[in-house]
PDB file of all heavy atoms in Angstrom:
ATOM      1  N   ARG A   1     127.440  85.044  73.508  1.00  0.00           N
ATOM      2  CA  ARG A   1     128.040  83.806  74.041  1.00  0.00           C
ATOM      3  C   ARG A   1     128.081  83.855  75.574  1.00  0.00           C
ATOM      4  O   ARG A   1     129.119  83.676  76.206  1.00  0.00           O
ATOM      5  CB  ARG A   1     129.429  83.558  73.457  1.00  0.00           C
ATOM      6  CG  ARG A   1     129.381  83.235  71.978  1.00  0.00           C
ATOM      7  CD  ARG A   1     130.694  82.764  71.430  1.00  0.00           C
ATOM      8  NE  ARG A   1     131.188  81.523  72.018  1.00  0.00           N
ATOM      9  CZ  ARG A   1     130.814  80.299  71.662  1.00  0.00           C
ATOM     10  NH1 ARG A   1     129.914  80.122  70.717  1.00  0.00           N
ATOM     11  NH2 ARG A   1     131.348  79.248  72.250  1.00  0.00           N
ATOM     12  N   ARG A   2     126.873  84.092  76.143  1.00  0.00           N
ATOM     13  CA  ARG A   2     126.787  84.262  77.588  1.00  0.00           C
ATOM     14  C   ARG A   2     125.612  83.476  78.146  1.00  0.00           C
ATOM     15  O   ARG A   2     124.488  83.567  77.659  1.00  0.00           O
ATOM     16  CB  ARG A   2     126.641  85.739  77.920  1.00  0.00           C
ATOM     17  CG  ARG A   2     126.575  86.024  79.394  1.00  0.00           C
ATOM     18  CD  ARG A   2     126.500  87.511  79.719  1.00  0.00           C
ATOM     19  NE  ARG A   2     125.374  88.141  79.042  1.00  0.00           N
ATOM     20  CZ  ARG A   2     125.469  89.252  78.313  1.00  0.00           C
ATOM     21  NH1 ARG A   2     126.612  89.863  78.154  1.00  0.00           N
ATOM     22  NH2 ARG A   2     124.398  89.758  77.749  1.00  0.00           N
ATOM     23  N   LEU A   3     125.887  82.725  79.197  1.00  0.00           N
ATOM     24  CA  LEU A   3     124.856  82.048  79.966  1.00  0.00           C
ATOM     25  C   LEU A   3     124.786  82.754  81.306  1.00  0.00           C
ATOM     26  O   LEU A   3     125.816  83.035  81.927  1.00  0.00           O
ATOM     27  CB  LEU A   3     125.208  80.567  80.171  1.00  0.00           C
ATOM     28  CG  LEU A   3     124.270  79.775  81.081  1.00  0.00           C
ATOM     29  CD1 LEU A   3     122.890  79.617  80.438  1.00  0.00           C
ATOM     30  CD2 LEU A   3     124.867  78.414  81.410  1.00  0.00           C
ATOM     31  N   SER A   4     123.562  83.054  81.749  1.00  0.00           N
ATOM     32  CA  SER A   4     123.425  83.689  83.056  1.00  0.00           C
ATOM     33  C   SER A   4     122.244  83.083  83.798  1.00  0.00           C
ATOM     34  O   SER A   4     121.340  82.507  83.208  1.00  0.00           O
ATOM     35  CB  SER A   4     123.264  85.205  82.930  1.00  0.00           C
ATOM     36  OG  SER A   4     122.154  85.522  82.134  1.00  0.00           O
ATOM     37  N   ARG A   5     122.302  83.236  85.100  1.00  0.00           N
ATOM     38  CA  ARG A   5     121.223  82.770  85.976  1.00  0.00           C
ATOM     39  C   ARG A   5     120.940  83.890  86.953  1.00  0.00           C
ATOM     40  O   ARG A   5     121.845  84.316  87.691  1.00  0.00           O
ATOM     41  CB  ARG A   5     121.636  81.509  86.717  1.00  0.00           C
ATOM     42  CG  ARG A   5     120.541  80.966  87.604  1.00  0.00           C
ATOM     43  CD  ARG A   5     120.968  79.691  88.265  1.00  0.00           C
ATOM     44  NE  ARG A   5     119.809  79.051  88.859  1.00  0.00           N
ATOM     45  CZ  ARG A   5     119.873  77.928  89.523  1.00  0.00           C
ATOM     46  NH1 ARG A   5     121.021  77.301  89.676  1.00  0.00           N
ATOM     47  NH2 ARG A   5     118.787  77.415  90.036  1.00  0.00           N
ATOM     48  N   ALA A   6     119.701  84.371  86.921  1.00  0.00           N
ATOM     49  CA  ALA A   6     119.289  85.476  87.790  1.00  0.00           C
ATOM     50  C   ALA A   6     120.260  86.650  87.665  1.00  0.00           C
ATOM     51  O   ALA A   6     120.641  87.264  88.654  1.00  0.00           O
ATOM     52  CB  ALA A   6     119.183  84.989  89.234  1.00  0.00           C
ATOM     53  N   GLY A   7     120.695  86.923  86.435  1.00  0.00           N
ATOM     54  CA  GLY A   7     121.567  88.058  86.164  1.00  0.00           C
ATOM     55  C   GLY A   7     123.049  87.817  86.383  1.00  0.00           C
ATOM     56  O   GLY A   7     123.866  88.654  86.042  1.00  0.00           O
ATOM     57  N   GLU A   8     123.416  86.672  86.963  1.00  0.00           N
ATOM     58  CA  GLU A   8     124.820  86.367  87.218  1.00  0.00           C
ATOM     59  C   GLU A   8     125.372  85.508  86.075  1.00  0.00           C
ATOM     60  O   GLU A   8     124.815  84.467  85.744  1.00  0.00           O
ATOM     61  CB  GLU A   8     124.971  85.606  88.538  1.00  0.00           C
ATOM     62  CG  GLU A   8     126.399  85.313  88.903  1.00  0.00           C
ATOM     63  CD  GLU A   8     126.517  84.633  90.251  1.00  0.00           C
ATOM     64  OE1 GLU A   8     125.661  84.874  91.116  1.00  0.00           O
ATOM     65  OE2 GLU A   8     127.462  83.855  90.418  1.00  0.00           O
ATOM     66  N   VAL A   9     126.467  85.963  85.476  1.00  0.00           N
ATOM     67  CA  VAL A   9     127.072  85.250  84.350  1.00  0.00           C
ATOM     68  C   VAL A   9     127.714  83.958  84.846  1.00  0.00           C
ATOM     69  O   VAL A   9     128.402  83.943  85.868  1.00  0.00           O
ATOM     70  CB  VAL A   9     128.124  86.131  83.641  1.00  0.00           C
ATOM     71  CG1 VAL A   9     128.843  85.343  82.555  1.00  0.00           C
ATOM     72  CG2 VAL A   9     127.459  87.357  83.048  1.00  0.00           C
ATOM     73  N   ILE A  10     127.456  82.878  84.110  1.00  0.00           N
ATOM     74  CA  ILE A  10     128.012  81.566  84.426  1.00  0.00           C
ATOM     75  C   ILE A  10     129.009  81.210  83.334  1.00  0.00           C
ATOM     76  O   ILE A  10     128.624  81.057  82.175  1.00  0.00           O
ATOM     77  CB  ILE A  10     126.896  80.504  84.493  1.00  0.00           C
ATOM     78  CG1 ILE A  10     125.887  80.887  85.567  1.00  0.00           C
ATOM     79  CG2 ILE A  10     127.488  79.130  84.746  1.00  0.00           C
ATOM     80  CD1 ILE A  10     124.638  80.053  85.545  1.00  0.00           C
ATOM     81  N   PRO A  11     130.286  81.094  83.675  1.00  0.00           N
ATOM     82  CA  PRO A  11     131.272  80.773  82.651  1.00  0.00           C
ATOM     83  C   PRO A  11     131.115  79.319  82.168  1.00  0.00           C
ATOM     84  O   PRO A  11     130.852  78.416  82.962  1.00  0.00           O
ATOM     85  CB  PRO A  11     132.615  80.974  83.353  1.00  0.00           C
ATOM     86  CG  PRO A  11     132.319  80.868  84.811  1.00  0.00           C
ATOM     87  CD  PRO A  11     130.885  81.269  84.998  1.00  0.00           C
ATOM     88  N   LEU A  12     131.265  79.145  80.863  1.00  0.00           N
ATOM     89  CA  LEU A  12     131.234  77.815  80.261  1.00  0.00           C
ATOM     90  C   LEU A  12     132.405  77.683  79.302  1.00  0.00           C
ATOM     91  O   LEU A  12     132.789  78.657  78.645  1.00  0.00           O
ATOM     92  CB  LEU A  12     129.945  77.601  79.459  1.00  0.00           C
ATOM     93  CG  LEU A  12     128.676  77.243  80.189  1.00  0.00           C
ATOM     94  CD1 LEU A  12     127.526  77.094  79.190  1.00  0.00           C
ATOM     95  CD2 LEU A  12     128.826  75.967  80.993  1.00  0.00           C
ATOM     96  N   MET A  13     132.930  76.484  79.207  1.00  0.00           N
ATOM     97  CA  MET A  13     133.956  76.202  78.207  1.00  0.00           C
ATOM     98  C   MET A  13     133.322  76.377  76.825  1.00  0.00           C
ATOM     99  O   MET A  13     132.112  76.147  76.669  1.00  0.00           O
ATOM    100  CB  MET A  13     134.485  74.784  78.380  1.00  0.00           C
ATOM    101  CG  MET A  13     135.126  74.518  79.735  1.00  0.00           C
ATOM    102  SD  MET A  13     136.591  75.512  80.033  1.00  0.00           S
ATOM    103  CE  MET A  13     137.725  74.757  78.902  1.00  0.00           C
ATOM    104  N   PRO A  14     134.091  76.770  75.815  1.00  0.00           N
ATOM    105  CA  PRO A  14     133.519  77.046  74.487  1.00  0.00           C
ATOM    106  C   PRO A  14     132.685  75.918  73.897  1.00  0.00           C
ATOM    107  O   PRO A  14     131.591  76.162  73.376  1.00  0.00           O
ATOM    108  CB  PRO A  14     134.748  77.346  73.630  1.00  0.00           C
ATOM    109  CG  PRO A  14     135.759  77.866  74.595  1.00  0.00           C
ATOM    110  CD  PRO A  14     135.511  77.093  75.865  1.00  0.00           C
ATOM    111  N   LYS A  15     133.155  74.688  73.963  1.00  0.00           N
ATOM    112  CA  LYS A  15     132.395  73.585  73.357  1.00  0.00           C
ATOM    113  C   LYS A  15     131.154  73.241  74.175  1.00  0.00           C
ATOM    114  O   LYS A  15     130.136  72.827  73.628  1.00  0.00           O
ATOM    115  CB  LYS A  15     133.272  72.348  73.141  1.00  0.00           C
ATOM    116  CG  LYS A  15     134.274  72.535  72.028  1.00  0.00           C
ATOM    117  CD  LYS A  15     133.578  72.864  70.719  1.00  0.00           C
ATOM    118  CE  LYS A  15     134.546  73.067  69.593  1.00  0.00           C
ATOM    119  NZ  LYS A  15     133.921  73.471  68.349  1.00  0.00           N
ATOM    120  N   ALA A  16     131.196  73.423  75.482  1.00  0.00           N
ATOM    121  CA  ALA A  16     130.001  73.218  76.304  1.00  0.00           C
ATOM    122  C   ALA A  16     128.955  74.264  75.938  1.00  0.00           C
ATOM    123  O   ALA A  16     127.762  73.956  75.835  1.00  0.00           O
ATOM    124  CB  ALA A  16     130.348  73.289  77.786  1.00  0.00           C
ATOM    125  N   PHE A  17     129.401  75.497  75.699  1.00  0.00           N
ATOM    126  CA  PHE A  17     128.476  76.544  75.264  1.00  0.00           C
ATOM    127  C   PHE A  17     127.876  76.190  73.905  1.00  0.00           C
ATOM    128  O   PHE A  17     126.677  76.302  73.698  1.00  0.00           O
ATOM    129  CB  PHE A  17     129.178  77.907  75.202  1.00  0.00           C
ATOM    130  CG  PHE A  17     128.227  79.020  74.891  1.00  0.00           C
ATOM    131  CD1 PHE A  17     127.573  79.687  75.909  1.00  0.00           C
ATOM    132  CD2 PHE A  17     127.966  79.385  73.578  1.00  0.00           C
ATOM    133  CE1 PHE A  17     126.671  80.709  75.634  1.00  0.00           C
ATOM    134  CE2 PHE A  17     127.066  80.404  73.286  1.00  0.00           C
ATOM    135  CZ  PHE A  17     126.420  81.062  74.313  1.00  0.00           C
ATOM    136  N   ASP A  18     128.724  75.755  72.967  1.00  0.00           N
ATOM    137  CA  ASP A  18     128.244  75.365  71.637  1.00  0.00           C
ATOM    138  C   ASP A  18     127.216  74.241  71.732  1.00  0.00           C
ATOM    139  O   ASP A  18     126.195  74.260  71.042  1.00  0.00           O
ATOM    140  CB  ASP A  18     129.409  74.920  70.745  1.00  0.00           C
ATOM    141  CG  ASP A  18     130.367  76.043  70.415  1.00  0.00           C
ATOM    142  OD1 ASP A  18     130.009  77.236  70.595  1.00  0.00           O
ATOM    143  OD2 ASP A  18     131.495  75.735  69.970  1.00  0.00           O
ATOM    144  N   LEU A  19     127.479  73.269  72.585  1.00  0.00           N
ATOM    145  CA  LEU A  19     126.544  72.162  72.781  1.00  0.00           C
ATOM    146  C   LEU A  19     125.223  72.671  73.341  1.00  0.00           C
ATOM    147  O   LEU A  19     124.150  72.261  72.889  1.00  0.00           O
ATOM    148  CB  LEU A  19     127.154  71.113  73.711  1.00  0.00           C
ATOM    149  CG  LEU A  19     126.282  69.926  74.082  1.00  0.00           C
ATOM    150  CD1 LEU A  19     125.833  69.158  72.847  1.00  0.00           C
ATOM    151  CD2 LEU A  19     127.031  69.009  75.047  1.00  0.00           C
ATOM    152  N   LEU A  20     125.284  73.575  74.297  1.00  0.00           N
ATOM    153  CA  LEU A  20     124.064  74.141  74.870  1.00  0.00           C
ATOM    154  C   LEU A  20     123.254  74.872  73.803  1.00  0.00           C
ATOM    155  O   LEU A  20     122.028  74.756  73.762  1.00  0.00           O
ATOM    156  CB  LEU A  20     124.411  75.077  76.026  1.00  0.00           C
ATOM    157  CG  LEU A  20     123.234  75.712  76.766  1.00  0.00           C
ATOM    158  CD1 LEU A  20     122.265  74.653  77.289  1.00  0.00           C
ATOM    159  CD2 LEU A  20     123.752  76.587  77.897  1.00  0.00           C
ATOM    160  N   VAL A  21     123.911  75.603  72.923  1.00  0.00           N
ATOM    161  CA  VAL A  21     123.213  76.287  71.831  1.00  0.00           C
ATOM    162  C   VAL A  21     122.534  75.274  70.918  1.00  0.00           C
ATOM    163  O   VAL A  21     121.372  75.448  70.540  1.00  0.00           O
ATOM    164  CB  VAL A  21     124.179  77.199  71.036  1.00  0.00           C
ATOM    165  CG1 VAL A  21     123.512  77.720  69.770  1.00  0.00           C
ATOM    166  CG2 VAL A  21     124.656  78.351  71.905  1.00  0.00           C
ATOM    167  N   VAL A  22     123.225  74.201  70.577  1.00  0.00           N
ATOM    168  CA  VAL A  22     122.622  73.157  69.728  1.00  0.00           C
ATOM    169  C   VAL A  22     121.386  72.585  70.398  1.00  0.00           C
ATOM    170  O   VAL A  22     120.341  72.425  69.769  1.00  0.00           O
ATOM    171  CB  VAL A  22     123.651  72.043  69.403  1.00  0.00           C
ATOM    172  CG1 VAL A  22     122.972  70.837  68.768  1.00  0.00           C
ATOM    173  CG2 VAL A  22     124.744  72.578  68.489  1.00  0.00           C
ATOM    174  N   LEU A  23     121.467  72.295  71.677  1.00  0.00           N
ATOM    175  CA  LEU A  23     120.317  71.743  72.409  1.00  0.00           C
ATOM    176  C   LEU A  23     119.174  72.752  72.481  1.00  0.00           C
ATOM    177  O   LEU A  23     118.010  72.398  72.279  1.00  0.00           O
ATOM    178  CB  LEU A  23     120.741  71.298  73.805  1.00  0.00           C
ATOM    179  CG  LEU A  23     121.697  70.110  73.848  1.00  0.00           C
ATOM    180  CD1 LEU A  23     122.236  69.921  75.260  1.00  0.00           C
ATOM    181  CD2 LEU A  23     121.030  68.847  73.352  1.00  0.00           C
ATOM    182  N   ALA A  24     119.495  73.996  72.759  1.00  0.00           N
ATOM    183  CA  ALA A  24     118.455  75.031  72.885  1.00  0.00           C
ATOM    184  C   ALA A  24     117.755  75.274  71.554  1.00  0.00           C
ATOM    185  O   ALA A  24     116.552  75.524  71.521  1.00  0.00           O
ATOM    186  CB  ALA A  24     119.057  76.323  73.414  1.00  0.00           C
ATOM    187  N   THR A  25     118.487  75.218  70.462  1.00  0.00           N
ATOM    188  CA  THR A  25     117.900  75.498  69.150  1.00  0.00           C
ATOM    189  C   THR A  25     117.209  74.284  68.540  1.00  0.00           C
ATOM    190  O   THR A  25     116.598  74.398  67.484  1.00  0.00           O
ATOM    191  CB  THR A  25     118.956  76.023  68.158  1.00  0.00           C
ATOM    192  OG1 THR A  25     120.008  75.066  68.027  1.00  0.00           O
ATOM    193  CG2 THR A  25     119.508  77.358  68.612  1.00  0.00           C
ATOM    194  N   SER A  26     117.270  73.150  69.209  1.00  0.00           N
ATOM    195  CA  SER A  26     116.641  71.937  68.677  1.00  0.00           C
ATOM    196  C   SER A  26     115.135  71.897  68.931  1.00  0.00           C
ATOM    197  O   SER A  26     114.458  70.994  68.438  1.00  0.00           O
ATOM    198  CB  SER A  26     117.292  70.685  69.267  1.00  0.00           C
ATOM    199  OG  SER A  26     116.927  70.541  70.625  1.00  0.00           O
ATOM    200  N   ASN A  27     114.634  72.832  69.723  1.00  0.00           N
ATOM    201  CA  ASN A  27     113.198  72.906  70.038  1.00  0.00           C
ATOM    202  C   ASN A  27     112.653  71.603  70.608  1.00  0.00           C
ATOM    203  O   ASN A  27     111.555  71.181  70.274  1.00  0.00           O
ATOM    204  CB  ASN A  27     112.405  73.307  68.787  1.00  0.00           C
ATOM    205  CG  ASN A  27     112.752  74.686  68.318  1.00  0.00           C
ATOM    206  OD1 ASN A  27     112.903  75.595  69.122  1.00  0.00           O
ATOM    207  ND2 ASN A  27     112.916  74.848  67.022  1.00  0.00           N
ATOM    208  N   GLY A  28     113.438  70.950  71.437  1.00  0.00           N
ATOM    209  CA  GLY A  28     112.998  69.726  72.093  1.00  0.00           C
ATOM    210  C   GLY A  28     113.119  68.474  71.250  1.00  0.00           C
ATOM    211  O   GLY A  28     112.776  67.390  71.691  1.00  0.00           O
ATOM    212  N   LYS A  29     113.624  68.600  70.018  1.00  0.00           N
ATOM    213  CA  LYS A  29     113.799  67.447  69.133  1.00  0.00           C
ATOM    214  C   LYS A  29     114.890  66.545  69.687  1.00  0.00           C
ATOM    215  O   LYS A  29     115.921  67.007  70.158  1.00  0.00           O
ATOM    216  CB  LYS A  29     114.174  67.932  67.734  1.00  0.00           C
ATOM    217  CG  LYS A  29     114.460  66.839  66.765  1.00  0.00           C
ATOM    218  CD  LYS A  29     114.927  67.397  65.417  1.00  0.00           C
ATOM    219  CE  LYS A  29     115.473  66.267  64.579  1.00  0.00           C
ATOM    220  NZ  LYS A  29     116.694  66.637  63.897  1.00  0.00           N
ATOM    221  N   LEU A  30     114.656  65.244  69.610  1.00  0.00           N
ATOM    222  CA  LEU A  30     115.650  64.270  70.035  1.00  0.00           C
ATOM    223  C   LEU A  30     116.816  64.296  69.050  1.00  0.00           C
ATOM    224  O   LEU A  30     116.619  64.218  67.838  1.00  0.00           O
ATOM    225  CB  LEU A  30     115.017  62.868  70.076  1.00  0.00           C
ATOM    226  CG  LEU A  30     115.902  61.735  70.558  1.00  0.00           C
ATOM    227  CD1 LEU A  30     116.289  61.945  72.017  1.00  0.00           C
ATOM    228  CD2 LEU A  30     115.170  60.410  70.403  1.00  0.00           C
ATOM    229  N   LEU A  31     118.026  64.444  69.565  1.00  0.00           N
ATOM    230  CA  LEU A  31     119.221  64.497  68.726  1.00  0.00           C
ATOM    231  C   LEU A  31     120.111  63.302  69.029  1.00  0.00           C
ATOM    232  O   LEU A  31     120.338  62.976  70.191  1.00  0.00           O
ATOM    233  CB  LEU A  31     119.999  65.790  68.988  1.00  0.00           C
ATOM    234  CG  LEU A  31     119.243  67.098  68.753  1.00  0.00           C
ATOM    235  CD1 LEU A  31     120.053  68.283  69.261  1.00  0.00           C
ATOM    236  CD2 LEU A  31     118.917  67.256  67.288  1.00  0.00           C
ATOM    237  N   SER A  32     120.621  62.662  67.990  1.00  0.00           N
ATOM    238  CA  SER A  32     121.512  61.512  68.174  1.00  0.00           C
ATOM    239  C   SER A  32     122.894  61.989  68.601  1.00  0.00           C
ATOM    240  O   SER A  32     123.255  63.156  68.420  1.00  0.00           O
ATOM    241  CB  SER A  32     121.629  60.724  66.868  1.00  0.00           C
ATOM    242  OG  SER A  32     122.349  61.475  65.897  1.00  0.00           O
ATOM    243  N   LYS A  33     123.683  61.071  69.142  1.00  0.00           N
ATOM    244  CA  LYS A  33     125.057  61.391  69.505  1.00  0.00           C
ATOM    245  C   LYS A  33     125.807  61.910  68.287  1.00  0.00           C
ATOM    246  O   LYS A  33     126.529  62.897  68.371  1.00  0.00           O
ATOM    247  CB  LYS A  33     125.789  60.145  70.021  1.00  0.00           C
ATOM    248  CG  LYS A  33     125.418  59.701  71.382  1.00  0.00           C
ATOM    249  CD  LYS A  33     126.305  58.527  71.746  1.00  0.00           C
ATOM    250  CE  LYS A  33     125.638  57.658  72.767  1.00  0.00           C
ATOM    251  NZ  LYS A  33     126.446  56.478  73.081  1.00  0.00           N
ATOM    252  N   GLN A  34     125.624  61.217  67.172  1.00  0.00           N
ATOM    253  CA  GLN A  34     126.342  61.604  65.958  1.00  0.00           C
ATOM    254  C   GLN A  34     125.956  63.005  65.502  1.00  0.00           C
ATOM    255  O   GLN A  34     126.815  63.795  65.098  1.00  0.00           O
ATOM    256  CB  GLN A  34     126.098  60.587  64.837  1.00  0.00           C
ATOM    257  CG  GLN A  34     126.977  60.820  63.635  1.00  0.00           C
ATOM    258  CD  GLN A  34     128.454  60.788  63.982  1.00  0.00           C
ATOM    259  OE1 GLN A  34     128.930  59.889  64.654  1.00  0.00           O
ATOM    260  NE2 GLN A  34     129.193  61.806  63.543  1.00  0.00           N
ATOM    261  N   GLU A  35     124.670  63.326  65.569  1.00  0.00           N
ATOM    262  CA  GLU A  35     124.225  64.658  65.172  1.00  0.00           C
ATOM    263  C   GLU A  35     124.821  65.731  66.086  1.00  0.00           C
ATOM    264  O   GLU A  35     125.274  66.778  65.622  1.00  0.00           O
ATOM    265  CB  GLU A  35     122.704  64.747  65.170  1.00  0.00           C
ATOM    266  CG  GLU A  35     122.177  66.055  64.647  1.00  0.00           C
ATOM    267  CD  GLU A  35     120.662  66.094  64.521  1.00  0.00           C
ATOM    268  OE1 GLU A  35     119.985  65.109  64.838  1.00  0.00           O
ATOM    269  OE2 GLU A  35     120.171  67.155  64.100  1.00  0.00           O
ATOM    270  N   LEU A  36     124.833  65.461  67.383  1.00  0.00           N
ATOM    271  CA  LEU A  36     125.426  66.412  68.322  1.00  0.00           C
ATOM    272  C   LEU A  36     126.910  66.603  68.038  1.00  0.00           C
ATOM    273  O   LEU A  36     127.400  67.733  67.982  1.00  0.00           O
ATOM    274  CB  LEU A  36     125.225  65.938  69.758  1.00  0.00           C
ATOM    275  CG  LEU A  36     123.805  66.007  70.301  1.00  0.00           C
ATOM    276  CD1 LEU A  36     123.712  65.287  71.637  1.00  0.00           C
ATOM    277  CD2 LEU A  36     123.336  67.443  70.430  1.00  0.00           C
TER     278      LEU A  36
END
């Protein structure tokens, strides 16, 4: 549960992190608001 940039950890709120995981795992698929 870690986001980093050039080795530096970037803190994220839990739900923002969860949203980022959903987007990253979508493989570029368009996701509706409801699905997100």
